[in-house]
C-alpha atoms as a PDB file:
ATOM      1  CA  UNK A   1     -16.942  -8.881 -17.857  1.00  0.00           C
ATOM      2  CA  UNK A   2     -13.470  -7.329 -18.189  1.00  0.00           C
ATOM      3  CA  UNK A   3     -11.747  -6.756 -14.869  1.00  0.00           C
ATOM      4  CA  UNK A   4      -9.154  -4.613 -16.660  1.00  0.00           C
ATOM      5  CA  UNK A   5     -11.833  -2.305 -18.040  1.00  0.00           C
ATOM      6  CA  UNK A   6     -13.354  -1.935 -14.583  1.00  0.00           C
ATOM      7  CA  UNK A   7      -9.941  -1.039 -13.181  1.00  0.00           C
ATOM      8  CA  UNK A   8      -9.497   1.671 -15.816  1.00  0.00           C
ATOM      9  CA  UNK A   9     -12.789   3.233 -14.738  1.00  0.00           C
ATOM     10  CA  UNK A  10     -11.790   2.997 -11.073  1.00  0.00           C
ATOM     11  CA  UNK A  11      -8.368   4.550 -11.738  1.00  0.00           C
ATOM     12  CA  UNK A  12      -9.942   7.398 -13.679  1.00  0.00           C
ATOM     13  CA  UNK A  13     -12.474   8.217 -10.944  1.00  0.00           C
ATOM     14  CA  UNK A  14      -9.827   8.077  -8.222  1.00  0.00           C
ATOM     15  CA  UNK A  15      -7.491  10.322 -10.205  1.00  0.00           C
ATOM     16  CA  UNK A  16     -10.271  12.879 -10.670  1.00  0.00           C
ATOM     17  CA  UNK A  17     -11.816  13.047  -7.202  1.00  0.00           C
ATOM     18  CA  UNK A  18     -10.136  10.592  -4.823  1.00  0.00           C
ATOM     19  CA  UNK A  19     -12.454   9.754  -1.936  1.00  0.00           C
ATOM     20  CA  UNK A  20     -14.160  13.088  -1.146  1.00  0.00           C
ATOM     21  CA  UNK A  21     -14.259  14.271   2.464  1.00  0.00           C
ATOM     22  CA  UNK A  22     -18.023  14.821   2.313  1.00  0.00           C
ATOM     23  CA  UNK A  23     -18.524  11.232   1.164  1.00  0.00           C
ATOM     24  CA  UNK A  24     -16.274   9.946   3.932  1.00  0.00           C
ATOM     25  CA  UNK A  25     -18.178  11.956   6.534  1.00  0.00           C
ATOM     26  CA  UNK A  26     -21.484  10.636   5.176  1.00  0.00           C
ATOM     27  CA  UNK A  27     -20.748   6.914   4.856  1.00  0.00           C
ATOM     28  CA  UNK A  28     -17.148   6.324   5.912  1.00  0.00           C
ATOM     29  CA  UNK A  29     -15.070   4.103   3.641  1.00  0.00           C
ATOM     30  CA  UNK A  30     -15.231   0.379   2.766  1.00  0.00           C
ATOM     31  CA  UNK A  31     -11.803  -0.168   4.321  1.00  0.00           C
ATOM     32  CA  UNK A  32     -12.994   1.337   7.612  1.00  0.00           C
ATOM     33  CA  UNK A  33     -16.005  -0.988   7.456  1.00  0.00           C
ATOM     34  CA  UNK A  34     -13.616  -3.918   7.127  1.00  0.00           C
ATOM     35  CA  UNK A  35     -11.587  -2.471   9.981  1.00  0.00           C
ATOM     36  CA  UNK A  36     -14.578  -2.472  12.319  1.00  0.00           C
ATOM     37  CA  UNK A  37     -15.240  -6.138  11.598  1.00  0.00           C
ATOM     38  CA  UNK A  38     -11.566  -7.009  12.103  1.00  0.00           C
ATOM     39  CA  UNK A  39     -11.502  -5.079  15.381  1.00  0.00           C
ATOM     40  CA  UNK A  40     -14.604  -6.903  16.610  1.00  0.00           C
ATOM     41  CA  UNK A  41     -13.132 -10.322  15.760  1.00  0.00           C
ATOM     42  CA  UNK A  42      -9.776  -9.341  17.265  1.00  0.00           C
ATOM     43  CA  UNK A  43     -11.444  -8.521  20.581  1.00  0.00           C
ATOM     44  CA  UNK A  44     -13.453 -11.759  20.627  1.00  0.00           C
ATOM     45  CA  UNK A  45     -10.948 -14.255  19.183  1.00  0.00           C
ATOM     46  CA  UNK A  46      -7.578 -12.777  20.147  1.00  0.00           C
ATOM     47  CA  UNK A  47      -8.109 -11.469  23.655  1.00  0.00           C
ATOM     48  CA  UNK A  48      -6.143 -12.126  26.805  1.00  0.00           C
ATOM     49  CA  UNK A  49      -6.223 -15.389  28.706  1.00  0.00           C
ATOM     50  CA  UNK A  50      -5.814 -17.777  25.765  1.00  0.00           C
ATOM     51  CA  UNK A  51      -2.729 -19.653  24.591  1.00  0.00           C
ATOM     52  CA  UNK A  52      -0.898 -19.129  21.304  1.00  0.00           C
ATOM     53  CA  UNK A  53      -2.486 -22.144  19.628  1.00  0.00           C
ATOM     54  CA  UNK A  54      -5.981 -20.836  20.329  1.00  0.00           C
ATOM     55  CA  UNK A  55      -4.892 -17.368  19.204  1.00  0.00           C
ATOM     56  CA  UNK A  56      -3.543 -18.754  15.943  1.00  0.00           C
ATOM     57  CA  UNK A  57      -6.767 -20.650  15.272  1.00  0.00           C
ATOM     58  CA  UNK A  58      -8.748 -17.501  16.091  1.00  0.00           C
ATOM     59  CA  UNK A  59      -6.590 -15.548  13.651  1.00  0.00           C
ATOM     60  CA  UNK A  60      -7.208 -18.091  10.898  1.00  0.00           C
ATOM     61  CA  UNK A  61     -10.948 -17.916  11.587  1.00  0.00           C
ATOM     62  CA  UNK A  62     -10.795 -14.115  11.450  1.00  0.00           C
ATOM     63  CA  UNK A  63      -9.007 -14.238   8.105  1.00  0.00           C
ATOM     64  CA  UNK A  64     -11.550 -16.651   6.629  1.00  0.00           C
ATOM     65  CA  UNK A  65     -14.522 -14.666   7.920  1.00  0.00           C
ATOM     66  CA  UNK A  66     -13.309 -11.225   6.777  1.00  0.00           C
ATOM     67  CA  UNK A  67     -12.021 -12.239   3.351  1.00  0.00           C
ATOM     68  CA  UNK A  68     -14.953 -14.588   2.813  1.00  0.00           C
ATOM     69  CA  UNK A  69     -17.574 -11.939   3.591  1.00  0.00           C
ATOM     70  CA  UNK A  70     -15.804  -9.286   1.507  1.00  0.00           C
ATOM     71  CA  UNK A  71     -15.317 -11.543  -1.514  1.00  0.00           C
ATOM     72  CA  UNK A  72     -18.865 -12.939  -1.305  1.00  0.00           C
ATOM     73  CA  UNK A  73     -20.417  -9.462  -1.263  1.00  0.00           C
ATOM     74  CA  UNK A  74     -18.239  -8.449  -4.215  1.00  0.00           C
ATOM     75  CA  UNK A  75     -19.187 -11.598  -6.130  1.00  0.00           C
ATOM     76  CA  UNK A  76     -22.905 -11.001  -5.527  1.00  0.00           C
ATOM     77  CA  UNK A  77     -22.578  -7.398  -6.710  1.00  0.00           C
ATOM     78  CA  UNK A  78     -20.737  -8.590  -9.823  1.00  0.00           C
ATOM     79  CA  UNK A  79     -23.507 -11.101 -10.505  1.00  0.00           C
ATOM     80  CA  UNK A  80     -26.069  -8.276 -10.354  1.00  0.00           C
ATOM     81  CA  UNK A  81     -24.193  -5.997 -12.765  1.00  0.00           C
ATOM     82  CA  UNK A  82     -25.733  -5.580 -16.213  1.00  0.00           C
ATOM     83  CA  UNK A  83     -23.843  -6.749 -19.284  1.00  0.00           C
ATOM     84  CA  UNK A  84     -21.901  -4.389 -21.506  1.00  0.00           C
ATOM     85  CA  UNK A  85     -20.430  -0.950 -20.921  1.00  0.00           C
ATOM     86  CA  UNK A  86     -22.904  -0.016 -18.198  1.00  0.00           C
ATOM     87  CA  UNK A  87     -21.813  -3.020 -16.157  1.00  0.00           C
ATOM     88  CA  UNK A  88     -18.164  -2.085 -16.632  1.00  0.00           C
ATOM     89  CA  UNK A  89     -18.786   1.490 -15.472  1.00  0.00           C
ATOM     90  CA  UNK A  90     -20.805   0.353 -12.439  1.00  0.00           C
ATOM     91  CA  UNK A  91     -18.135  -2.244 -11.604  1.00  0.00           C
ATOM     92  CA  UNK A  92     -15.466   0.444 -11.849  1.00  0.00           C
ATOM     93  CA  UNK A  93     -17.439   2.657  -9.472  1.00  0.00           C
ATOM     94  CA  UNK A  94     -17.637  -0.208  -6.984  1.00  0.00           C
ATOM     95  CA  UNK A  95     -13.872  -0.821  -7.314  1.00  0.00           C
ATOM     96  CA  UNK A  96     -12.976   2.853  -7.020  1.00  0.00           C
ATOM     97  CA  UNK A  97     -12.759   3.028  -3.166  1.00  0.00           C
ATOM     98  CA  UNK A  98     -10.071   0.348  -3.132  1.00  0.00           C
ATOM     99  CA  UNK A  99      -7.515   2.370  -5.139  1.00  0.00           C
ATOM    100  CA  UNK A 100      -5.587   5.233  -3.543  1.00  0.00           C
ATOM    101  CA  UNK A 101      -3.574   7.038  -6.237  1.00  0.00           C
ATOM    102  CA  UNK A 102      -4.797  10.522  -5.368  1.00  0.00           C
ATOM    103  CA  UNK A 103      -4.717  10.033  -1.604  1.00  0.00           C
ATOM    104  CA  UNK A 104      -1.120   8.795  -1.643  1.00  0.00           C
ATOM    105  CA  UNK A 105       0.032  11.722  -3.769  1.00  0.00           C
ATOM    106  CA  UNK A 106      -1.765  14.223  -1.539  1.00  0.00           C
ATOM    107  CA  UNK A 107      -0.323  12.810   1.681  1.00  0.00           C
ATOM    108  CA  UNK A 108       3.252  12.714   0.401  1.00  0.00           C
ATOM    109  CA  UNK A 109       2.902  16.118  -1.286  1.00  0.00           C
ATOM    110  CA  UNK A 110       1.813  17.579   2.064  1.00  0.00           C
ATOM    111  CA  UNK A 111       5.120  16.456   3.571  1.00  0.00           C
ATOM    112  CA  UNK A 112       7.045  17.959   0.655  1.00  0.00           C
ATOM    113  CA  UNK A 113       5.139  21.255   0.964  1.00  0.00           C
ATOM    114  CA  UNK A 114       5.963  21.501   4.669  1.00  0.00           C
ATOM    115  CA  UNK A 115       9.645  20.785   4.060  1.00  0.00           C
ATOM    116  CA  UNK A 116       9.799  23.330   1.251  1.00  0.00           C
ATOM    117  CA  UNK A 117       8.315  25.903   3.635  1.00  0.00           C
ATOM    118  CA  UNK A 118      10.886  25.010   6.303  1.00  0.00           C
ATOM    119  CA  UNK A 119       8.122  24.073   8.738  1.00  0.00           C
ATOM    120  CA  UNK A 120       9.571  21.026  10.493  1.00  0.00           C
ATOM    121  CA  UNK A 121       6.774  20.853  13.037  1.00  0.00           C
ATOM    122  CA  UNK A 122       4.104  20.572  10.342  1.00  0.00           C
ATOM    123  CA  UNK A 123       6.307  18.194   8.333  1.00  0.00           C
ATOM    124  CA  UNK A 124       6.504  15.838  11.324  1.00  0.00           C
ATOM    125  CA  UNK A 125       2.724  15.950  11.705  1.00  0.00           C
ATOM    126  CA  UNK A 126       2.219  15.297   7.987  1.00  0.00           C
ATOM    127  CA  UNK A 127       4.650  12.374   7.854  1.00  0.00           C
ATOM    128  CA  UNK A 128       3.090  10.836  10.997  1.00  0.00           C
ATOM    129  CA  UNK A 129      -0.094  10.335   8.956  1.00  0.00           C
ATOM    130  CA  UNK A 130       1.655   7.922   6.574  1.00  0.00           C
ATOM    131  CA  UNK A 131       4.297   6.142   8.693  1.00  0.00           C
ATOM    132  CA  UNK A 132       4.289   4.501  12.107  1.00  0.00           C
ATOM    133  CA  UNK A 133       7.694   5.667  13.357  1.00  0.00           C
ATOM    134  CA  UNK A 134       8.170   8.356  16.010  1.00  0.00           C
ATOM    135  CA  UNK A 135       8.063  11.669  14.094  1.00  0.00           C
ATOM    136  CA  UNK A 136       9.655  13.668  16.913  1.00  0.00           C
ATOM    137  CA  UNK A 137      12.925  11.824  16.310  1.00  0.00           C
ATOM    138  CA  UNK A 138      13.066  12.724  12.600  1.00  0.00           C
ATOM    139  CA  UNK A 139      15.200  15.455  11.083  1.00  0.00           C
ATOM    140  CA  UNK A 140      14.768  16.727   7.503  1.00  0.00           C
ATOM    141  CA  UNK A 141      16.553  13.709   6.017  1.00  0.00           C
ATOM    142  CA  UNK A 142      14.595  11.300   8.212  1.00  0.00           C
ATOM    143  CA  UNK A 143      11.293  12.863   7.194  1.00  0.00           C
ATOM    144  CA  UNK A 144      12.278  12.715   3.515  1.00  0.00           C
ATOM    145  CA  UNK A 145      13.311   9.066   3.847  1.00  0.00           C
ATOM    146  CA  UNK A 146      10.102   8.127   5.632  1.00  0.00           C
ATOM    147  CA  UNK A 147       7.939   9.849   3.015  1.00  0.00           C
ATOM    148  CA  UNK A 148       9.798   8.242   0.105  1.00  0.00           C
ATOM    149  CA  UNK A 149       9.599   4.799   1.705  1.00  0.00           C
ATOM    150  CA  UNK A 150       5.862   5.240   2.233  1.00  0.00           C
ATOM    151  CA  UNK A 151       5.472   6.421  -1.355  1.00  0.00           C
ATOM    152  CA  UNK A 152       7.265   3.333  -2.693  1.00  0.00           C
ATOM    153  CA  UNK A 153       5.597   0.755  -0.437  1.00  0.00           C
ATOM    154  CA  UNK A 154       2.096   2.183  -0.769  1.00  0.00           C
ATOM    155  CA  UNK A 155       2.459   2.423  -4.538  1.00  0.00           C
ATOM    156  CA  UNK A 156       2.456  -1.352  -4.390  1.00  0.00           C
ATOM    157  CA  UNK A 157       0.040  -2.059  -1.525  1.00  0.00           C
ATOM    158  CA  UNK A 158      -2.400   0.744  -2.264  1.00  0.00           C
ATOM    159  CA  UNK A 159      -2.406   0.877  -6.052  1.00  0.00           C
ATOM    160  CA  UNK A 160      -0.524  -1.719  -8.104  1.00  0.00           C
ATOM    161  CA  UNK A 161      -1.566  -4.751  -6.020  1.00  0.00           C
ATOM    162  CA  UNK A 162      -5.310  -4.002  -5.840  1.00  0.00           C
ATOM    163  CA  UNK A 163      -5.359  -3.130  -9.543  1.00  0.00           C
ATOM    164  CA  UNK A 164      -3.405  -6.311 -10.371  1.00  0.00           C
ATOM    165  CA  UNK A 165      -5.889  -8.528  -8.529  1.00  0.00           C
ATOM    166  CA  UNK A 166      -8.783  -6.544  -9.973  1.00  0.00           C
ATOM    167  CA  UNK A 167      -7.515  -7.202 -13.486  1.00  0.00           C
ATOM    168  CA  UNK A 168      -7.059 -10.912 -12.737  1.00  0.00           C
ATOM    169  CA  UNK A 169     -10.230 -11.601 -10.719  1.00  0.00           C
ATOM    170  CA  UNK A 170     -12.456  -8.572 -11.230  1.00  0.00           C
ATOM    171  CA  UNK A 171     -14.332  -6.912  -8.371  1.00  0.00           C
ATOM    172  CA  UNK A 172     -13.979  -9.931  -6.016  1.00  0.00           C
ATOM    173  CA  UNK A 173     -10.222  -9.841  -6.599  1.00  0.00           C
ATOM    174  CA  UNK A 174      -9.690  -6.202  -5.645  1.00  0.00           C
ATOM    175  CA  UNK A 175     -12.045  -6.419  -2.654  1.00  0.00           C
ATOM    176  CA  UNK A 176     -10.502  -9.656  -1.340  1.00  0.00           C
ATOM    177  CA  UNK A 177      -7.010  -8.192  -1.741  1.00  0.00           C
ATOM    178  CA  UNK A 178      -7.967  -5.094   0.217  1.00  0.00           C
ATOM    179  CA  UNK A 179      -9.464  -7.249   2.968  1.00  0.00           C
ATOM    180  CA  UNK A 180      -6.197  -9.222   3.229  1.00  0.00           C
ATOM    181  CA  UNK A 181      -4.097  -6.067   3.241  1.00  0.00           C
ATOM    182  CA  UNK A 182      -6.286  -4.439   5.904  1.00  0.00           C
ATOM    183  CA  UNK A 183      -6.028  -7.559   8.061  1.00  0.00           C
ATOM    184  CA  UNK A 184      -2.253  -7.422   7.781  1.00  0.00           C
ATOM    185  CA  UNK A 185      -2.207  -3.707   8.649  1.00  0.00           C
ATOM    186  CA  UNK A 186      -4.310  -4.238  11.771  1.00  0.00           C
ATOM    187  CA  UNK A 187      -3.253  -7.608  13.164  1.00  0.00           C
ATOM    188  CA  UNK A 188      -0.192  -8.671  11.166  1.00  0.00           C
ATOM    189  CA  UNK A 189       2.292  -7.169  13.645  1.00  0.00           C
ATOM    190  CA  UNK A 190       4.950  -9.096  15.543  1.00  0.00           C
ATOM    191  CA  UNK A 191       3.701  -8.090  18.972  1.00  0.00           C
ATOM    192  CA  UNK A 192       2.862 -10.365  21.925  1.00  0.00           C
ATOM    193  CA  UNK A 193      -0.847  -9.944  21.157  1.00  0.00           C
ATOM    194  CA  UNK A 194      -0.694 -10.459  17.400  1.00  0.00           C
ATOM    195  CA  UNK A 195       2.350 -12.680  16.829  1.00  0.00           C
ATOM    196  CA  UNK A 196       0.117 -15.759  16.744  1.00  0.00           C
ATOM    197  CA  UNK A 197      -3.265 -14.165  16.044  1.00  0.00           C
ATOM    198  CA  UNK A 198      -2.074 -12.270  12.962  1.00  0.00           C
ATOM    199  CA  UNK A 199       0.247 -14.990  11.629  1.00  0.00           C
ATOM    200  CA  UNK A 200      -2.097 -16.250   8.907  1.00  0.00           C
ATOM    201  CA  UNK A 201      -3.037 -12.753   7.741  1.00  0.00           C
ATOM    202  CA  UNK A 202       0.603 -11.673   7.534  1.00  0.00           C
ATOM    203  CA  UNK A 203       1.594 -14.785   5.580  1.00  0.00           C
ATOM    204  CA  UNK A 204      -1.278 -14.436   3.101  1.00  0.00           C
ATOM    205  CA  UNK A 205      -0.515 -10.737   2.628  1.00  0.00           C
ATOM    206  CA  UNK A 206       3.098 -11.639   1.821  1.00  0.00           C
ATOM    207  CA  UNK A 207       1.872 -14.179  -0.729  1.00  0.00           C
ATOM    208  CA  UNK A 208      -0.586 -11.947  -2.602  1.00  0.00           C
ATOM    209  CA  UNK A 209       1.971  -9.140  -2.832  1.00  0.00           C
ATOM    210  CA  UNK A 210       4.830 -11.155  -4.343  1.00  0.00           C
ATOM    211  CA  UNK A 211       4.109 -10.254  -7.972  1.00  0.00           C
ATOM    212  CA  UNK A 212       2.735  -6.701  -7.456  1.00  0.00           C
ATOM    213  CA  UNK A 213       5.707  -5.622  -5.321  1.00  0.00           C
ATOM    214  CA  UNK A 214       8.212  -6.765  -7.917  1.00  0.00           C
ATOM    215  CA  UNK A 215       6.174  -5.216 -10.719  1.00  0.00           C
ATOM    216  CA  UNK A 216       6.085  -1.917  -8.823  1.00  0.00           C
ATOM    217  CA  UNK A 217       9.830  -2.065  -8.275  1.00  0.00           C
ATOM    218  CA  UNK A 218      10.437  -2.777 -11.944  1.00  0.00           C
ATOM    219  CA  UNK A 219       8.285   0.199 -12.976  1.00  0.00           C
ATOM    220  CA  UNK A 220      10.120   2.539 -10.611  1.00  0.00           C
ATOM    221  CA  UNK A 221      13.468   1.292 -11.859  1.00  0.00           C
ATOM    222  CA  UNK A 222      12.695   1.362 -15.582  1.00  0.00           C
ATOM    223  CA  UNK A 223      11.112   4.828 -15.475  1.00  0.00           C
ATOM    224  CA  UNK A 224      13.665   6.432 -13.160  1.00  0.00           C
ATOM    225  CA  UNK A 225      16.023   7.696 -15.847  1.00  0.00           C
ATOM    226  CA  UNK A 226      18.739   5.455 -14.385  1.00  0.00           C
ATOM    227  CA  UNK A 227      17.292   1.984 -15.023  1.00  0.00           C
ATOM    228  CA  UNK A 228      20.581   0.109 -14.834  1.00  0.00           C
ATOM    229  CA  UNK A 229      21.537   1.531 -11.447  1.00  0.00           C
ATOM    230  CA  UNK A 230      17.995   1.219 -10.102  1.00  0.00           C
ATOM    231  CA  UNK A 231      17.593  -2.396 -11.206  1.00  0.00           C
ATOM    232  CA  UNK A 232      21.002  -3.313  -9.787  1.00  0.00           C
ATOM    233  CA  UNK A 233      20.124  -1.682  -6.474  1.00  0.00           C
ATOM    234  CA  UNK A 234      16.751  -3.404  -6.362  1.00  0.00           C
ATOM    235  CA  UNK A 235      18.136  -6.863  -7.108  1.00  0.00           C
ATOM    236  CA  UNK A 236      20.972  -6.409  -4.614  1.00  0.00           C
ATOM    237  CA  UNK A 237      19.183  -4.748  -1.700  1.00  0.00           C
ATOM    238  CA  UNK A 238      15.505  -5.750  -1.805  1.00  0.00           C
ATOM    239  CA  UNK A 239      16.102  -8.967   0.143  1.00  0.00           C
ATOM    240  CA  UNK A 240      17.797  -7.022   2.960  1.00  0.00           C
ATOM    241  CA  UNK A 241      14.482  -5.413   3.890  1.00  0.00           C
ATOM    242  CA  UNK A 242      12.551  -6.917   6.800  1.00  0.00           C
ATOM    243  CA  UNK A 243       9.533  -7.302   4.498  1.00  0.00           C
ATOM    244  CA  UNK A 244       9.762  -9.877   1.687  1.00  0.00           C
ATOM    245  CA  UNK A 245       7.939  -7.425  -0.608  1.00  0.00           C
ATOM    246  CA  UNK A 246       8.309  -3.784   0.478  1.00  0.00           C
ATOM    247  CA  UNK A 247      12.046  -3.823  -0.212  1.00  0.00           C
ATOM    248  CA  UNK A 248      11.519  -4.173  -3.963  1.00  0.00           C
ATOM    249  CA  UNK A 249       9.868  -0.820  -4.704  1.00  0.00           C
ATOM    250  CA  UNK A 250      11.831   0.914  -1.938  1.00  0.00           C
ATOM    251  CA  UNK A 251      15.216  -0.295  -3.207  1.00  0.00           C
ATOM    252  CA  UNK A 252      14.257   0.556  -6.798  1.00  0.00           C
ATOM    253  CA  UNK A 253      13.260   4.074  -5.770  1.00  0.00           C
ATOM    254  CA  UNK A 254      16.451   4.490  -3.761  1.00  0.00           C
ATOM    255  CA  UNK A 255      18.579   3.448  -6.730  1.00  0.00           C
ATOM    256  CA  UNK A 256      16.562   5.491  -9.195  1.00  0.00           C
ATOM    257  CA  UNK A 257      16.867   8.679  -7.143  1.00  0.00           C
ATOM    258  CA  UNK A 258      20.443   8.035  -6.039  1.00  0.00           C
ATOM    259  CA  UNK A 259      19.650   8.239  -2.309  1.00  0.00           C
ATOM    260  CA  UNK A 260      19.707   5.859   0.621  1.00  0.00           C
ATOM    261  CA  UNK A 261      16.502   4.676   2.289  1.00  0.00           C
ATOM    262  CA  UNK A 262      15.449   2.539   5.259  1.00  0.00           C
ATOM    263  CA  UNK A 263      18.117   2.234   7.959  1.00  0.00           C
ATOM    264  CA  UNK A 264      17.599   2.464  11.741  1.00  0.00           C
ATOM    265  CA  UNK A 265      14.371   4.127  12.812  1.00  0.00           C
ATOM    266  CA  UNK A 266      12.596   4.950  16.070  1.00  0.00           C
ATOM    267  CA  UNK A 267       9.155   3.628  16.972  1.00  0.00           C
ATOM    268  CA  UNK A 268       7.063   4.138  20.090  1.00  0.00           C
ATOM    269  CA  UNK A 269       8.263   0.776  21.437  1.00  0.00           C
ATOM    270  CA  UNK A 270      11.958   1.294  20.660  1.00  0.00           C
ATOM    271  CA  UNK A 271      14.620   1.431  17.945  1.00  0.00           C
ATOM    272  CA  UNK A 272      14.383  -0.861  14.908  1.00  0.00           C
ATOM    273  CA  UNK A 273      17.847  -1.430  13.463  1.00  0.00           C
ATOM    274  CA  UNK A 274      16.977  -1.879   9.773  1.00  0.00           C
ATOM    275  CA  UNK A 275      19.643  -2.256   7.058  1.00  0.00           C
ATOM    276  CA  UNK A 276      20.194   0.544   4.559  1.00  0.00           C
ATOM    277  CA  UNK A 277      18.955   0.341   0.990  1.00  0.00           C
ATOM    278  CA  UNK A 278      21.513   1.797  -1.447  1.00  0.00           C
ATOM    279  CA  UNK A 279      24.105   2.181   1.290  1.00  0.00           C
ATOM    280  CA  UNK A 280      26.757   4.749   0.373  1.00  0.00           C
ATOM    281  CA  UNK A 281      24.346   7.119  -1.340  1.00  0.00           C
ATOM    282  CA  UNK A 282      23.470  10.419   0.359  1.00  0.00           C
ATOM    283  CA  UNK A 283      20.371  11.024   2.449  1.00  0.00           C
ATOM    284  CA  UNK A 284      17.388  12.403   0.546  1.00  0.00           C
ATOM    285  CA  UNK A 285      16.113  15.947   0.962  1.00  0.00           C
ATOM    286  CA  UNK A 286      13.011  17.873  -0.068  1.00  0.00           C
ATOM    287  CA  UNK A 287      14.165  18.100  -3.705  1.00  0.00           C
ATOM    288  CA  UNK A 288      14.493  14.308  -3.833  1.00  0.00           C
ATOM    289  CA  UNK A 289      11.005  13.960  -2.412  1.00  0.00           C
ATOM    290  CA  UNK A 290       9.706  16.090  -5.283  1.00  0.00           C
ATOM    291  CA  UNK A 291      11.637  13.921  -7.762  1.00  0.00           C
ATOM    292  CA  UNK A 292      10.113  10.844  -6.161  1.00  0.00           C
ATOM    293  CA  UNK A 293       6.625  12.279  -6.611  1.00  0.00           C
ATOM    294  CA  UNK A 294       7.307  12.953 -10.300  1.00  0.00           C
ATOM    295  CA  UNK A 295       8.538   9.395 -10.737  1.00  0.00           C
ATOM    296  CA  UNK A 296       5.418   8.157  -8.940  1.00  0.00           C
ATOM    297  CA  UNK A 297       3.334   9.967 -11.541  1.00  0.00           C
ATOM    298  CA  UNK A 298       5.194   8.178 -14.339  1.00  0.00           C
ATOM    299  CA  UNK A 299       4.632   4.826 -12.608  1.00  0.00           C
ATOM    300  CA  UNK A 300       0.884   5.451 -12.390  1.00  0.00           C
ATOM    301  CA  UNK A 301       0.734   6.409 -16.067  1.00  0.00           C
ATOM    302  CA  UNK A 302       2.640   3.239 -16.981  1.00  0.00           C
ATOM    303  CA  UNK A 303       0.253   1.175 -14.857  1.00  0.00           C
ATOM    304  CA  UNK A 304      -2.734   2.709 -16.647  1.00  0.00           C
ATOM    305  CA  UNK A 305      -1.111   1.863 -19.979  1.00  0.00           C
ATOM    306  CA  UNK A 306      -0.554  -1.764 -18.936  1.00  0.00           C
ATOM    307  CA  UNK A 307      -4.148  -2.099 -17.750  1.00  0.00           C
ATOM    308  CA  UNK A 308      -5.413  -0.538 -20.998  1.00  0.00           C
ATOM    309  CA  UNK A 309      -3.411  -3.037 -23.037  1.00  0.00           C
ATOM    310  CA  UNK A 310      -4.861  -5.852 -20.918  1.00  0.00           C
ATOM    311  CA  UNK A 311      -8.392  -4.489 -21.470  1.00  0.00           C
ATOM    312  CA  UNK A 312      -7.872  -4.487 -25.234  1.00  0.00           C
ATOM    313  CA  UNK A 313      -6.302  -7.949 -25.366  1.00  0.00           C
END
């Protein structure tokens, strides 16, 4: 059964309705279900009073359990799907919760709307929903940078990567990817508690995002209207980012829009002195955030086209 065809169905449903609030209130979301399991295992395998070796082993066990359960359920559901177009549609419906095209656009658009209205207080609240840095320390340029960085990184983690693995491995691929990514989001931090416990999850997340992150960066660069500059910026600056993958779409977007991104930022636990991407370019503003959203739309359309070609191959 074609994983690419399933992904087209999932992309279409997400573009039309996202994940409706009423549905979320009724049943939650598959990612939150994964999060509850991860939280339970974190409390039982990664608690206080154990050494780093035991924490690391507990983290590996957590990774195996979460990804194994998620992939096994997805495989069983795939096995139960009927053949033909009905199976593809049902598979696409099952894959739909793991793609976030509409949600990402809505969250970043909310920041842009607040900035356009000159409401900095609301803009800080809106941007705090998509980034972890301290919003009270952000001015207009800082908010615009944070929103653009989230747009670029989450284009890869939330859309291109799950679709990529769904095309390659079908429903088990997209579900397993989302389990890995959720593990990294929850326990893959370099904190005293999770440095050892989340090590395996962080490393596996880096591995499964190698190709999708570079593909996302290439799409942003090639569709930006300034492909030469964007590609040069991406190839030069991506490796300066603290993440081995997030720098690729972020640097491509910075070069494509002609703005600088990343740089020092404030978190609850202190200042993180990150290097600039596209150093020498001006800070972005609300108009650049709107341009970034338009470019995001082109990237999604290009992704749909690539998946459609794969489905027809």
